[in-house]
Amino acid sequence: MILLSLMMLSLGIAMEKHGTPRKSERHNVWPVVLAVCVELTLLYWGGFFSVHN
């Protein structure tokens, strides 16, 4: 749950900063969305979300 909360927080911060200027370009949310999707996919494939009795 902590890991998922941190991912959602990261997405929220990226969405908030999306489009604001940086030194050489603007903030972009899409790389963060892609990174979170890849990480969630790897966790799913690794069995992180499976429930064991």
PDB file of N, CA and C in Angstrom:
ATOM      1  N   MET A   1       0.813  -1.198   0.000  1.00  0.00           N
ATOM      2  CA  MET A   1       0.000   0.000   0.000  1.00  0.00           C
ATOM      3  C   MET A   1       0.862   1.270   0.000  1.00  0.00           C
ATOM      4  N   ILE A   2       1.968   1.219   0.710  1.00  0.00           N
ATOM      5  CA  ILE A   2       2.837   2.400   0.763  1.00  0.00           C
ATOM      6  C   ILE A   2       3.417   2.683  -0.611  1.00  0.00           C
ATOM      7  N   LEU A   3       3.828   1.636  -1.305  1.00  0.00           N
ATOM      8  CA  LEU A   3       4.399   1.803  -2.640  1.00  0.00           C
ATOM      9  C   LEU A   3       3.376   2.396  -3.607  1.00  0.00           C
ATOM     10  N   LEU A   4       2.149   1.898  -3.565  1.00  0.00           N
ATOM     11  CA  LEU A   4       1.101   2.431  -4.430  1.00  0.00           C
ATOM     12  C   LEU A   4       0.786   3.885  -4.084  1.00  0.00           C
ATOM     13  N   SER A   5       0.800   4.213  -2.807  1.00  0.00           N
ATOM     14  CA  SER A   5       0.564   5.598  -2.385  1.00  0.00           C
ATOM     15  C   SER A   5       1.648   6.527  -2.910  1.00  0.00           C
ATOM     16  N   LEU A   6       2.894   6.079  -2.862  1.00  0.00           N
ATOM     17  CA  LEU A   6       3.991   6.893  -3.381  1.00  0.00           C
ATOM     18  C   LEU A   6       3.891   7.073  -4.891  1.00  0.00           C
ATOM     19  N   MET A   7       3.453   6.032  -5.593  1.00  0.00           N
ATOM     20  CA  MET A   7       3.263   6.157  -7.046  1.00  0.00           C
ATOM     21  C   MET A   7       2.168   7.168  -7.371  1.00  0.00           C
ATOM     22  N   MET A   8       1.069   7.114  -6.646  1.00  0.00           N
ATOM     23  CA  MET A   8      -0.022   8.056  -6.875  1.00  0.00           C
ATOM     24  C   MET A   8       0.399   9.481  -6.532  1.00  0.00           C
ATOM     25  N   LEU A   9       1.194   9.640  -5.486  1.00  0.00           N
ATOM     26  CA  LEU A   9       1.714  10.952  -5.123  1.00  0.00           C
ATOM     27  C   LEU A   9       2.628  11.488  -6.219  1.00  0.00           C
ATOM     28  N   SER A  10       3.462  10.625  -6.761  1.00  0.00           N
ATOM     29  CA  SER A  10       4.349  11.008  -7.853  1.00  0.00           C
ATOM     30  C   SER A  10       3.555  11.453  -9.074  1.00  0.00           C
ATOM     31  N   LEU A  11       2.496  10.715  -9.398  1.00  0.00           N
ATOM     32  CA  LEU A  11       1.643  11.103 -10.521  1.00  0.00           C
ATOM     33  C   LEU A  11       0.959  12.442 -10.264  1.00  0.00           C
ATOM     34  N   GLY A  12       0.492  12.647  -9.053  1.00  0.00           N
ATOM     35  CA  GLY A  12      -0.166  13.911  -8.710  1.00  0.00           C
ATOM     36  C   GLY A  12       0.767  15.104  -8.837  1.00  0.00           C
ATOM     37  N   ILE A  13       1.983  14.945  -8.369  1.00  0.00           N
ATOM     38  CA  ILE A  13       2.961  16.030  -8.467  1.00  0.00           C
ATOM     39  C   ILE A  13       3.293  16.308  -9.924  1.00  0.00           C
ATOM     40  N   ALA A  14       3.458  15.252 -10.723  1.00  0.00           N
ATOM     41  CA  ALA A  14       3.766  15.425 -12.146  1.00  0.00           C
ATOM     42  C   ALA A  14       2.615  16.116 -12.871  1.00  0.00           C
ATOM     43  N   MET A  15       1.373  15.766 -12.522  1.00  0.00           N
ATOM     44  CA  MET A  15       0.220  16.413 -13.150  1.00  0.00           C
ATOM     45  C   MET A  15       0.136  17.883 -12.767  1.00  0.00           C
ATOM     46  N   GLU A  16       0.470  18.184 -11.520  1.00  0.00           N
ATOM     47  CA  GLU A  16       0.438  19.573 -11.061  1.00  0.00           C
ATOM     48  C   GLU A  16       1.465  20.423 -11.808  1.00  0.00           C
ATOM     49  N   LYS A  17       2.653  19.869 -12.055  1.00  0.00           N
ATOM     50  CA  LYS A  17       3.723  20.623 -12.702  1.00  0.00           C
ATOM     51  C   LYS A  17       3.659  20.574 -14.226  1.00  0.00           C
ATOM     52  N   HIS A  18       2.755  19.786 -14.785  1.00  0.00           N
ATOM     53  CA  HIS A  18       2.676  19.614 -16.238  1.00  0.00           C
ATOM     54  C   HIS A  18       2.468  20.962 -16.935  1.00  0.00           C
ATOM     55  N   GLY A  19       3.370  21.277 -17.850  1.00  0.00           N
ATOM     56  CA  GLY A  19       3.244  22.504 -18.634  1.00  0.00           C
ATOM     57  C   GLY A  19       3.954  23.709 -18.059  1.00  0.00           C
ATOM     58  N   THR A  20       4.410  23.640 -16.821  1.00  0.00           N
ATOM     59  CA  THR A  20       5.122  24.781 -16.257  1.00  0.00           C
ATOM     60  C   THR A  20       6.550  24.800 -16.790  1.00  0.00           C
ATOM     61  N   PRO A  21       7.123  25.971 -16.984  1.00  0.00           N
ATOM     62  CA  PRO A  21       8.462  26.045 -17.570  1.00  0.00           C
ATOM     63  C   PRO A  21       9.554  25.562 -16.615  1.00  0.00           C
ATOM     64  N   ARG A  22      10.559  24.903 -17.212  1.00  0.00           N
ATOM     65  CA  ARG A  22      11.787  24.552 -16.518  1.00  0.00           C
ATOM     66  C   ARG A  22      12.899  25.373 -17.147  1.00  0.00           C
ATOM     67  N   LYS A  23      14.154  25.046 -16.851  1.00  0.00           N
ATOM     68  CA  LYS A  23      15.277  25.814 -17.394  1.00  0.00           C
ATOM     69  C   LYS A  23      15.290  25.791 -18.923  1.00  0.00           C
ATOM     70  N   SER A  24      15.169  24.620 -19.521  1.00  0.00           N
ATOM     71  CA  SER A  24      15.301  24.543 -20.976  1.00  0.00           C
ATOM     72  C   SER A  24      14.019  24.110 -21.687  1.00  0.00           C
ATOM     73  N   GLU A  25      13.057  23.593 -20.954  1.00  0.00           N
ATOM     74  CA  GLU A  25      11.825  23.104 -21.584  1.00  0.00           C
ATOM     75  C   GLU A  25      10.687  23.158 -20.570  1.00  0.00           C
ATOM     76  N   ARG A  26       9.591  22.511 -20.867  1.00  0.00           N
ATOM     77  CA  ARG A  26       8.440  22.477 -19.948  1.00  0.00           C
ATOM     78  C   ARG A  26       8.348  21.105 -19.278  1.00  0.00           C
ATOM     79  N   HIS A  27       7.726  21.080 -18.093  1.00  0.00           N
ATOM     80  CA  HIS A  27       7.475  19.806 -17.415  1.00  0.00           C
ATOM     81  C   HIS A  27       6.476  19.001 -18.235  1.00  0.00           C
ATOM     82  N   ASN A  28       6.658  17.684 -18.251  1.00  0.00           N
ATOM     83  CA  ASN A  28       5.782  16.813 -19.008  1.00  0.00           C
ATOM     84  C   ASN A  28       5.376  15.640 -18.130  1.00  0.00           C
ATOM     85  N   VAL A  29       4.086  15.356 -18.071  1.00  0.00           N
ATOM     86  CA  VAL A  29       3.569  14.309 -17.198  1.00  0.00           C
ATOM     87  C   VAL A  29       3.697  12.919 -17.830  1.00  0.00           C
ATOM     88  N   TRP A  30       3.787  12.831 -19.147  1.00  0.00           N
ATOM     89  CA  TRP A  30       3.736  11.537 -19.822  1.00  0.00           C
ATOM     90  C   TRP A  30       4.889  10.600 -19.487  1.00  0.00           C
ATOM     91  N   PRO A  31       6.116  11.046 -19.341  1.00  0.00           N
ATOM     92  CA  PRO A  31       7.162  10.105 -18.914  1.00  0.00           C
ATOM     93  C   PRO A  31       6.896   9.496 -17.536  1.00  0.00           C
ATOM     94  N   VAL A  32       6.305  10.269 -16.645  1.00  0.00           N
ATOM     95  CA  VAL A  32       5.984   9.749 -15.306  1.00  0.00           C
ATOM     96  C   VAL A  32       4.862   8.714 -15.401  1.00  0.00           C
ATOM     97  N   VAL A  33       3.860   8.994 -16.225  1.00  0.00           N
ATOM     98  CA  VAL A  33       2.766   8.037 -16.416  1.00  0.00           C
ATOM     99  C   VAL A  33       3.311   6.725 -16.984  1.00  0.00           C
ATOM    100  N   LEU A  34       4.180   6.825 -17.973  1.00  0.00           N
ATOM    101  CA  LEU A  34       4.782   5.632 -18.564  1.00  0.00           C
ATOM    102  C   LEU A  34       5.606   4.858 -17.536  1.00  0.00           C
ATOM    103  N   ALA A  35       6.392   5.554 -16.736  1.00  0.00           N
ATOM    104  CA  ALA A  35       7.227   4.891 -15.729  1.00  0.00           C
ATOM    105  C   ALA A  35       6.370   4.164 -14.692  1.00  0.00           C
ATOM    106  N   VAL A  36       5.287   4.791 -14.246  1.00  0.00           N
ATOM    107  CA  VAL A  36       4.406   4.154 -13.262  1.00  0.00           C
ATOM    108  C   VAL A  36       3.724   2.933 -13.873  1.00  0.00           C
ATOM    109  N   CYS A  37       3.300   3.027 -15.121  1.00  0.00           N
ATOM    110  CA  CYS A  37       2.676   1.875 -15.790  1.00  0.00           C
ATOM    111  C   CYS A  37       3.650   0.712 -15.921  1.00  0.00           C
ATOM    112  N   VAL A  38       4.880   0.993 -16.303  1.00  0.00           N
ATOM    113  CA  VAL A  38       5.890  -0.065 -16.421  1.00  0.00           C
ATOM    114  C   VAL A  38       6.153  -0.688 -15.053  1.00  0.00           C
ATOM    115  N   GLU A  39       6.278   0.138 -14.030  1.00  0.00           N
ATOM    116  CA  GLU A  39       6.545  -0.391 -12.691  1.00  0.00           C
ATOM    117  C   GLU A  39       5.390  -1.241 -12.177  1.00  0.00           C
ATOM    118  N   LEU A  40       4.154  -0.782 -12.382  1.00  0.00           N
ATOM    119  CA  LEU A  40       2.999  -1.568 -11.954  1.00  0.00           C
ATOM    120  C   LEU A  40       2.903  -2.885 -12.721  1.00  0.00           C
ATOM    121  N   THR A  41       3.220  -2.861 -14.006  1.00  0.00           N
ATOM    122  CA  THR A  41       3.204  -4.078 -14.810  1.00  0.00           C
ATOM    123  C   THR A  41       4.237  -5.087 -14.299  1.00  0.00           C
ATOM    124  N   LEU A  42       5.436  -4.613 -14.025  1.00  0.00           N
ATOM    125  CA  LEU A  42       6.468  -5.511 -13.501  1.00  0.00           C
ATOM    126  C   LEU A  42       6.093  -6.075 -12.132  1.00  0.00           C
ATOM    127  N   LEU A  43       5.504  -5.249 -11.288  1.00  0.00           N
ATOM    128  CA  LEU A  43       5.056  -5.740  -9.981  1.00  0.00           C
ATOM    129  C   LEU A  43       3.952  -6.780 -10.131  1.00  0.00           C
ATOM    130  N   TYR A  44       3.041  -6.553 -11.073  1.00  0.00           N
ATOM    131  CA  TYR A  44       1.960  -7.513 -11.322  1.00  0.00           C
ATOM    132  C   TYR A  44       2.521  -8.838 -11.827  1.00  0.00           C
ATOM    133  N   TRP A  45       3.424  -8.767 -12.794  1.00  0.00           N
ATOM    134  CA  TRP A  45       4.036  -9.986 -13.337  1.00  0.00           C
ATOM    135  C   TRP A  45       4.844 -10.717 -12.283  1.00  0.00           C
ATOM    136  N   GLY A  46       5.415  -9.986 -11.350  1.00  0.00           N
ATOM    137  CA  GLY A  46       6.204 -10.605 -10.291  1.00  0.00           C
ATOM    138  C   GLY A  46       5.374 -11.164  -9.150  1.00  0.00           C
ATOM    139  N   GLY A  47       4.057 -10.990  -9.189  1.00  0.00           N
ATOM    140  CA  GLY A  47       3.172 -11.546  -8.163  1.00  0.00           C
ATOM    141  C   GLY A  47       2.957 -10.642  -6.963  1.00  0.00           C
ATOM    142  N   PHE A  48       3.286  -9.364  -7.067  1.00  0.00           N
ATOM    143  CA  PHE A  48       3.144  -8.454  -5.936  1.00  0.00           C
ATOM    144  C   PHE A  48       1.702  -8.299  -5.494  1.00  0.00           C
ATOM    145  N   PHE A  49       0.756  -8.387  -6.441  1.00  0.00           N
ATOM    146  CA  PHE A  49      -0.638  -8.144  -6.123  1.00  0.00           C
ATOM    147  C   PHE A  49      -1.427  -9.418  -5.869  1.00  0.00           C
ATOM    148  N   SER A  50      -0.778 -10.583  -5.922  1.00  0.00           N
ATOM    149  CA  SER A  50      -1.505 -11.828  -5.683  1.00  0.00           C
ATOM    150  C   SER A  50      -1.726 -12.020  -4.185  1.00  0.00           C
ATOM    151  N   VAL A  51      -2.867 -12.583  -3.854  1.00  0.00           N
ATOM    152  CA  VAL A  51      -3.242 -12.788  -2.461  1.00  0.00           C
ATOM    153  C   VAL A  51      -3.060 -14.260  -2.127  1.00  0.00           C
ATOM    154  N   HIS A  52      -2.294 -14.535  -1.091  1.00  0.00           N
ATOM    155  CA  HIS A  52      -2.047 -15.915  -0.669  1.00  0.00           C
ATOM    156  C   HIS A  52      -2.812 -16.202   0.604  1.00  0.00           C
ATOM    157  N   ASN A  53      -3.431 -17.365   0.669  1.00  0.00           N
ATOM    158  CA  ASN A  53      -4.190 -17.751   1.870  1.00  0.00           C
ATOM    159  C   ASN A  53      -3.320 -18.532   2.809  1.00  0.00           C
TER     160      ASN A  53
END
